[in-house]
Every structure is written in structure tokens, then in C-alpha cells.
PDB file of N, CA and C in Angstrom:
ATOM      1  N   MET A   1      22.698  41.671   2.957  1.00  0.00           N
ATOM      2  CA  MET A   1      22.909  41.492   1.533  1.00  0.00           C
ATOM      3  C   MET A   1      21.580  41.106   0.894  1.00  0.00           C
ATOM      4  N   HIS A   2      21.187  41.816  -0.123  1.00  0.00           N
ATOM      5  CA  HIS A   2      19.947  41.532  -0.833  1.00  0.00           C
ATOM      6  C   HIS A   2      20.286  40.956  -2.205  1.00  0.00           C
ATOM      7  N   ILE A   3      19.622  39.870  -2.555  1.00  0.00           N
ATOM      8  CA  ILE A   3      19.842  39.220  -3.847  1.00  0.00           C
ATOM      9  C   ILE A   3      18.591  39.418  -4.693  1.00  0.00           C
ATOM     10  N   ASN A   4      18.768  39.843  -5.925  1.00  0.00           N
ATOM     11  CA  ASN A   4      17.655  39.981  -6.864  1.00  0.00           C
ATOM     12  C   ASN A   4      17.648  38.788  -7.802  1.00  0.00           C
ATOM     13  N   PRO A   5      16.761  37.821  -7.571  1.00  0.00           N
ATOM     14  CA  PRO A   5      16.741  36.636  -8.432  1.00  0.00           C
ATOM     15  C   PRO A   5      16.251  36.974  -9.830  1.00  0.00           C
ATOM     16  N   ARG A   6      16.772  36.279 -10.801  1.00  0.00           N
ATOM     17  CA  ARG A   6      16.330  36.451 -12.189  1.00  0.00           C
ATOM     18  C   ARG A   6      15.233  35.473 -12.557  1.00  0.00           C
ATOM     19  N   LEU A   7      15.085  34.439 -11.759  1.00  0.00           N
ATOM     20  CA  LEU A   7      14.068  33.423 -12.029  1.00  0.00           C
ATOM     21  C   LEU A   7      13.442  33.013 -10.709  1.00  0.00           C
ATOM     22  N   LEU A   8      12.131  33.014 -10.656  1.00  0.00           N
ATOM     23  CA  LEU A   8      11.387  32.538  -9.494  1.00  0.00           C
ATOM     24  C   LEU A   8      10.488  31.399  -9.943  1.00  0.00           C
ATOM     25  N   VAL A   9      10.486  30.324  -9.189  1.00  0.00           N
ATOM     26  CA  VAL A   9       9.627  29.174  -9.491  1.00  0.00           C
ATOM     27  C   VAL A   9       8.873  28.789  -8.228  1.00  0.00           C
ATOM     28  N   ASN A  10       7.804  28.018  -8.396  1.00  0.00           N
ATOM     29  CA  ASN A  10       7.020  27.643  -7.217  1.00  0.00           C
ATOM     30  C   ASN A  10       6.962  26.139  -6.978  1.00  0.00           C
ATOM     31  N   THR A  11       7.801  25.375  -7.676  1.00  0.00           N
ATOM     32  CA  THR A  11       7.912  23.947  -7.391  1.00  0.00           C
ATOM     33  C   THR A  11       9.387  23.559  -7.360  1.00  0.00           C
ATOM     34  N   ASN A  12       9.690  22.547  -6.588  1.00  0.00           N
ATOM     35  CA  ASN A  12      11.067  22.052  -6.543  1.00  0.00           C
ATOM     36  C   ASN A  12      11.501  21.515  -7.894  1.00  0.00           C
ATOM     37  N   GLN A  13      10.589  20.834  -8.595  1.00  0.00           N
ATOM     38  CA  GLN A  13      10.961  20.262  -9.892  1.00  0.00           C
ATOM     39  C   GLN A  13      11.318  21.355 -10.891  1.00  0.00           C
ATOM     40  N   ALA A  14      10.618  22.479 -10.852  1.00  0.00           N
ATOM     41  CA  ALA A  14      10.959  23.592 -11.741  1.00  0.00           C
ATOM     42  C   ALA A  14      12.341  24.136 -11.403  1.00  0.00           C
ATOM     43  N   ALA A  15      12.673  24.215 -10.128  1.00  0.00           N
ATOM     44  CA  ALA A  15      14.002  24.673  -9.712  1.00  0.00           C
ATOM     45  C   ALA A  15      15.073  23.692 -10.166  1.00  0.00           C
ATOM     46  N   ILE A  16      14.807  22.414 -10.022  1.00  0.00           N
ATOM     47  CA  ILE A  16      15.766  21.385 -10.458  1.00  0.00           C
ATOM     48  C   ILE A  16      15.974  21.465 -11.965  1.00  0.00           C
ATOM     49  N   ASN A  17      14.888  21.596 -12.716  1.00  0.00           N
ATOM     50  CA  ASN A  17      14.994  21.703 -14.172  1.00  0.00           C
ATOM     51  C   ASN A  17      15.810  22.932 -14.575  1.00  0.00           C
ATOM     52  N   ALA A  18      15.609  24.045 -13.882  1.00  0.00           N
ATOM     53  CA  ALA A  18      16.371  25.258 -14.172  1.00  0.00           C
ATOM     54  C   ALA A  18      17.856  25.031 -13.902  1.00  0.00           C
ATOM     55  N   CYS A  19      18.172  24.361 -12.827  1.00  0.00           N
ATOM     56  CA  CYS A  19      19.575  24.069 -12.513  1.00  0.00           C
ATOM     57  C   CYS A  19      20.199  23.163 -13.564  1.00  0.00           C
ATOM     58  N   LYS A  20      19.444  22.202 -14.025  1.00  0.00           N
ATOM     59  CA  LYS A  20      19.955  21.294 -15.056  1.00  0.00           C
ATOM     60  C   LYS A  20      20.227  22.026 -16.362  1.00  0.00           C
ATOM     61  N   GLN A  21      19.596  23.179 -16.536  1.00  0.00           N
ATOM     62  CA  GLN A  21      19.813  23.997 -17.735  1.00  0.00           C
ATOM     63  C   GLN A  21      20.823  25.125 -17.465  1.00  0.00           C
ATOM     64  N   ASP A  22      21.579  24.994 -16.371  1.00  0.00           N
ATOM     65  CA  ASP A  22      22.619  25.967 -15.988  1.00  0.00           C
ATOM     66  C   ASP A  22      22.063  27.366 -15.769  1.00  0.00           C
ATOM     67  N   LEU A  23      20.872  27.461 -15.192  1.00  0.00           N
ATOM     68  CA  LEU A  23      20.265  28.763 -14.933  1.00  0.00           C
ATOM     69  C   LEU A  23      20.491  29.242 -13.507  1.00  0.00           C
ATOM     70  N   GLY A  24      21.216  28.484 -12.700  1.00  0.00           N
ATOM     71  CA  GLY A  24      21.491  28.918 -11.338  1.00  0.00           C
ATOM     72  C   GLY A  24      21.637  27.760 -10.387  1.00  0.00           C
ATOM     73  N   ILE A  25      21.418  28.070  -9.112  1.00  0.00           N
ATOM     74  CA  ILE A  25      21.508  27.062  -8.064  1.00  0.00           C
ATOM     75  C   ILE A  25      20.176  27.000  -7.328  1.00  0.00           C
ATOM     76  N   CYS A  26      19.943  25.901  -6.633  1.00  0.00           N
ATOM     77  CA  CYS A  26      18.717  25.771  -5.842  1.00  0.00           C
ATOM     78  C   CYS A  26      19.018  24.954  -4.597  1.00  0.00           C
ATOM     79  N   ARG A  27      18.099  25.018  -3.673  1.00  0.00           N
ATOM     80  CA  ARG A  27      18.210  24.243  -2.441  1.00  0.00           C
ATOM     81  C   ARG A  27      17.033  23.275  -2.399  1.00  0.00           C
ATOM     82  N   VAL A  28      17.333  21.996  -2.473  1.00  0.00           N
ATOM     83  CA  VAL A  28      16.310  20.955  -2.435  1.00  0.00           C
ATOM     84  C   VAL A  28      16.790  19.828  -1.530  1.00  0.00           C
ATOM     85  N   ILE A  29      15.911  18.915  -1.250  1.00  0.00           N
ATOM     86  CA  ILE A  29      16.256  17.759  -0.428  1.00  0.00           C
ATOM     87  C   ILE A  29      17.023  16.761  -1.298  1.00  0.00           C
ATOM     88  N   SER A  30      18.049  16.162  -0.736  1.00  0.00           N
ATOM     89  CA  SER A  30      18.970  15.328  -1.523  1.00  0.00           C
ATOM     90  C   SER A  30      18.274  14.204  -2.287  1.00  0.00           C
ATOM     91  N   TYR A  31      17.242  13.602  -1.718  1.00  0.00           N
ATOM     92  CA  TYR A  31      16.599  12.496  -2.439  1.00  0.00           C
ATOM     93  C   TYR A  31      15.883  12.973  -3.704  1.00  0.00           C
ATOM     94  N   GLU A  32      15.564  14.260  -3.790  1.00  0.00           N
ATOM     95  CA  GLU A  32      14.893  14.784  -4.975  1.00  0.00           C
ATOM     96  C   GLU A  32      15.825  14.866  -6.179  1.00  0.00           C
ATOM     97  N   VAL A  33      17.119  14.919  -5.936  1.00  0.00           N
ATOM     98  CA  VAL A  33      18.093  15.039  -7.023  1.00  0.00           C
ATOM     99  C   VAL A  33      19.104  13.898  -7.019  1.00  0.00           C
ATOM    100  N   GLU A  34      18.780  12.814  -6.346  1.00  0.00           N
ATOM    101  CA  GLU A  34      19.710  11.686  -6.239  1.00  0.00           C
ATOM    102  C   GLU A  34      20.149  11.179  -7.611  1.00  0.00           C
ATOM    103  N   ASN A  35      19.196  10.986  -8.519  1.00  0.00           N
ATOM    104  CA  ASN A  35      19.539  10.470  -9.854  1.00  0.00           C
ATOM    105  C   ASN A  35      20.388  11.466 -10.638  1.00  0.00           C
ATOM    106  N   GLU A  36      20.059  12.748 -10.550  1.00  0.00           N
ATOM    107  CA  GLU A  36      20.818  13.770 -11.265  1.00  0.00           C
ATOM    108  C   GLU A  36      22.243  13.882 -10.734  1.00  0.00           C
ATOM    109  N   LEU A  37      22.403  13.731  -9.424  1.00  0.00           N
ATOM    110  CA  LEU A  37      23.741  13.762  -8.841  1.00  0.00           C
ATOM    111  C   LEU A  37      24.561  12.571  -9.323  1.00  0.00           C
ATOM    112  N   ARG A  38      23.960  11.388  -9.327  1.00  0.00           N
ATOM    113  CA  ARG A  38      24.668  10.183  -9.788  1.00  0.00           C
ATOM    114  C   ARG A  38      25.058  10.279 -11.255  1.00  0.00           C
ATOM    115  N   ALA A  39      24.167  10.887 -12.059  1.00  0.00           N
ATOM    116  CA  ALA A  39      24.413  11.002 -13.501  1.00  0.00           C
ATOM    117  C   ALA A  39      25.364  12.145 -13.842  1.00  0.00           C
ATOM    118  N   GLY A  40      25.741  12.940 -12.842  1.00  0.00           N
ATOM    119  CA  GLY A  40      26.638  14.054 -13.088  1.00  0.00           C
ATOM    120  C   GLY A  40      25.943  15.266 -13.701  1.00  0.00           C
ATOM    121  N   GLN A  41      24.614  15.269 -13.700  1.00  0.00           N
ATOM    122  CA  GLN A  41      23.861  16.398 -14.249  1.00  0.00           C
ATOM    123  C   GLN A  41      23.859  17.581 -13.286  1.00  0.00           C
ATOM    124  N   LEU A  42      23.968  17.301 -11.997  1.00  0.00           N
ATOM    125  CA  LEU A  42      24.013  18.325 -10.965  1.00  0.00           C
ATOM    126  C   LEU A  42      25.151  18.007 -10.013  1.00  0.00           C
ATOM    127  N   GLN A  43      25.579  18.999  -9.269  1.00  0.00           N
ATOM    128  CA  GLN A  43      26.600  18.777  -8.253  1.00  0.00           C
ATOM    129  C   GLN A  43      26.197  19.488  -6.972  1.00  0.00           C
ATOM    130  N   THR A  44      26.674  18.979  -5.867  1.00  0.00           N
ATOM    131  CA  THR A  44      26.383  19.552  -4.562  1.00  0.00           C
ATOM    132  C   THR A  44      27.342  20.695  -4.288  1.00  0.00           C
ATOM    133  N   LEU A  45      26.791  21.790  -3.773  1.00  0.00           N
ATOM    134  CA  LEU A  45      27.588  22.957  -3.396  1.00  0.00           C
ATOM    135  C   LEU A  45      27.516  23.160  -1.892  1.00  0.00           C
ATOM    136  N   LEU A  46      28.473  23.873  -1.348  1.00  0.00           N
ATOM    137  CA  LEU A  46      28.476  24.268   0.064  1.00  0.00           C
ATOM    138  C   LEU A  46      28.309  23.078   1.020  1.00  0.00           C
ATOM    139  N   THR A  47      28.965  21.981   0.715  1.00  0.00           N
ATOM    140  CA  THR A  47      28.828  20.769   1.527  1.00  0.00           C
ATOM    141  C   THR A  47      29.260  20.980   2.970  1.00  0.00           C
ATOM    142  N   GLU A  48      30.156  21.933   3.197  1.00  0.00           N
ATOM    143  CA  GLU A  48      30.609  22.178   4.570  1.00  0.00           C
ATOM    144  C   GLU A  48      29.513  22.782   5.443  1.00  0.00           C
ATOM    145  N   TYR A  49      28.421  23.235   4.828  1.00  0.00           N
ATOM    146  CA  TYR A  49      27.316  23.817   5.587  1.00  0.00           C
ATOM    147  C   TYR A  49      26.113  22.881   5.705  1.00  0.00           C
ATOM    148  N   GLN A  50      26.225  21.677   5.172  1.00  0.00           N
ATOM    149  CA  GLN A  50      25.115  20.733   5.244  1.00  0.00           C
ATOM    150  C   GLN A  50      24.912  20.248   6.674  1.00  0.00           C
ATOM    151  N   LEU A  51      23.657  20.132   7.041  1.00  0.00           N
ATOM    152  CA  LEU A  51      23.326  19.577   8.348  1.00  0.00           C
ATOM    153  C   LEU A  51      23.411  18.062   8.295  1.00  0.00           C
ATOM    154  N   ARG A  52      23.628  17.469   9.433  1.00  0.00           N
ATOM    155  CA  ARG A  52      23.680  16.014   9.539  1.00  0.00           C
ATOM    156  C   ARG A  52      22.298  15.445   9.209  1.00  0.00           C
ATOM    157  N   PRO A  53      22.211  14.370   8.413  1.00  0.00           N
ATOM    158  CA  PRO A  53      20.908  13.786   8.078  1.00  0.00           C
ATOM    159  C   PRO A  53      20.180  13.284   9.325  1.00  0.00           C
ATOM    160  N   LEU A  54      18.889  13.447   9.340  1.00  0.00           N
ATOM    161  CA  LEU A  54      18.045  12.949  10.416  1.00  0.00           C
ATOM    162  C   LEU A  54      17.141  11.844   9.877  1.00  0.00           C
ATOM    163  N   PRO A  55      16.923  10.794  10.642  1.00  0.00           N
ATOM    164  CA  PRO A  55      16.032   9.735  10.169  1.00  0.00           C
ATOM    165  C   PRO A  55      14.574  10.223  10.166  1.00  0.00           C
ATOM    166  N   VAL A  56      13.814   9.702   9.240  1.00  0.00           N
ATOM    167  CA  VAL A  56      12.391  10.023   9.150  1.00  0.00           C
ATOM    168  C   VAL A  56      11.615   8.726   9.329  1.00  0.00           C
ATOM    169  N   HIS A  57      10.619   8.745  10.189  1.00  0.00           N
ATOM    170  CA  HIS A  57       9.782   7.579  10.418  1.00  0.00           C
ATOM    171  C   HIS A  57       8.348   7.932  10.076  1.00  0.00           C
ATOM    172  N   ILE A  58       7.697   7.060   9.340  1.00  0.00           N
ATOM    173  CA  ILE A  58       6.293   7.265   8.989  1.00  0.00           C
ATOM    174  C   ILE A  58       5.487   6.165   9.646  1.00  0.00           C
ATOM    175  N   VAL A  59       4.509   6.549  10.416  1.00  0.00           N
ATOM    176  CA  VAL A  59       3.654   5.595  11.114  1.00  0.00           C
ATOM    177  C   VAL A  59       2.233   5.797  10.599  1.00  0.00           C
ATOM    178  N   TYR A  60       1.591   4.710  10.204  1.00  0.00           N
ATOM    179  CA  TYR A  60       0.222   4.821   9.732  1.00  0.00           C
ATOM    180  C   TYR A  60      -0.600   3.672  10.258  1.00  0.00           C
ATOM    181  N   ARG A  61      -1.855   3.892  10.326  1.00  0.00           N
ATOM    182  CA  ARG A  61      -2.790   2.915  10.859  1.00  0.00           C
ATOM    183  C   ARG A  61      -3.254   1.981   9.747  1.00  0.00           C
ATOM    184  N   GLU A  62      -3.328   0.704  10.035  1.00  0.00           N
ATOM    185  CA  GLU A  62      -3.832  -0.270   9.071  1.00  0.00           C
ATOM    186  C   GLU A  62      -5.218  -0.733   9.504  1.00  0.00           C
ATOM    187  N   GLY A  63      -5.903  -1.398   8.601  1.00  0.00           N
ATOM    188  CA  GLY A  63      -7.178  -1.982   8.926  1.00  0.00           C
ATOM    189  C   GLY A  63      -8.369  -1.155   8.472  1.00  0.00           C
ATOM    190  N   PRO A  64      -9.552  -1.580   8.861  1.00  0.00           N
ATOM    191  CA  PRO A  64     -10.771  -0.923   8.365  1.00  0.00           C
ATOM    192  C   PRO A  64     -10.942   0.523   8.849  1.00  0.00           C
ATOM    193  N   ASN A  65     -10.283   0.909   9.923  1.00  0.00           N
ATOM    194  CA  ASN A  65     -10.412   2.275  10.436  1.00  0.00           C
ATOM    195  C   ASN A  65      -9.286   3.192   9.973  1.00  0.00           C
ATOM    196  N   ALA A  66      -8.458   2.705   9.070  1.00  0.00           N
ATOM    197  CA  ALA A  66      -7.346   3.515   8.571  1.00  0.00           C
ATOM    198  C   ALA A  66      -7.858   4.631   7.688  1.00  0.00           C
ATOM    199  N   SER A  67      -7.185   5.742   7.736  1.00  0.00           N
ATOM    200  CA  SER A  67      -7.572   6.836   6.849  1.00  0.00           C
ATOM    201  C   SER A  67      -7.048   6.530   5.440  1.00  0.00           C
ATOM    202  N   SER A  68      -7.741   7.050   4.466  1.00  0.00           N
ATOM    203  CA  SER A  68      -7.335   6.767   3.079  1.00  0.00           C
ATOM    204  C   SER A  68      -6.663   7.930   2.442  1.00  0.00           C
TER     205      SER A  68
END
């Protein structure tokens, strides 16, 4: 199945803004639209296909030799 999109964007925020204006659907990470979901501006689709969340850990070096 081939889909011909009517709108192409190159940032997640542009896709989110388009969705908020009822221009279609997008796939983004849940934390990027957390406020919009809470405010009822957006809704989650296809929840039965969502993958289980995975934890993310960020490790960084402190001190004078840390990268900036």
C-alpha cells in the first residue's frame, strides 16, 4: 500500500503543530506531546500497537575532564 502524503515536514514540532490544526496524524514520542494530550488538544491512536515503554538512562562524566 502506497500513501501519498499531502504535507511533509522535517521536524517533530511541525508535525505536532499540523496535528493540532487537524491536518492529519503523526508519530512522535509520547513525552513530546504530553501537555497536548492532557489538554485534550491531541489524542492517541492505535494504542493496541504501542510498544511497552523502555527506561532510558543517561550517564555523563563530571569534573574538570567532563565534555561540555
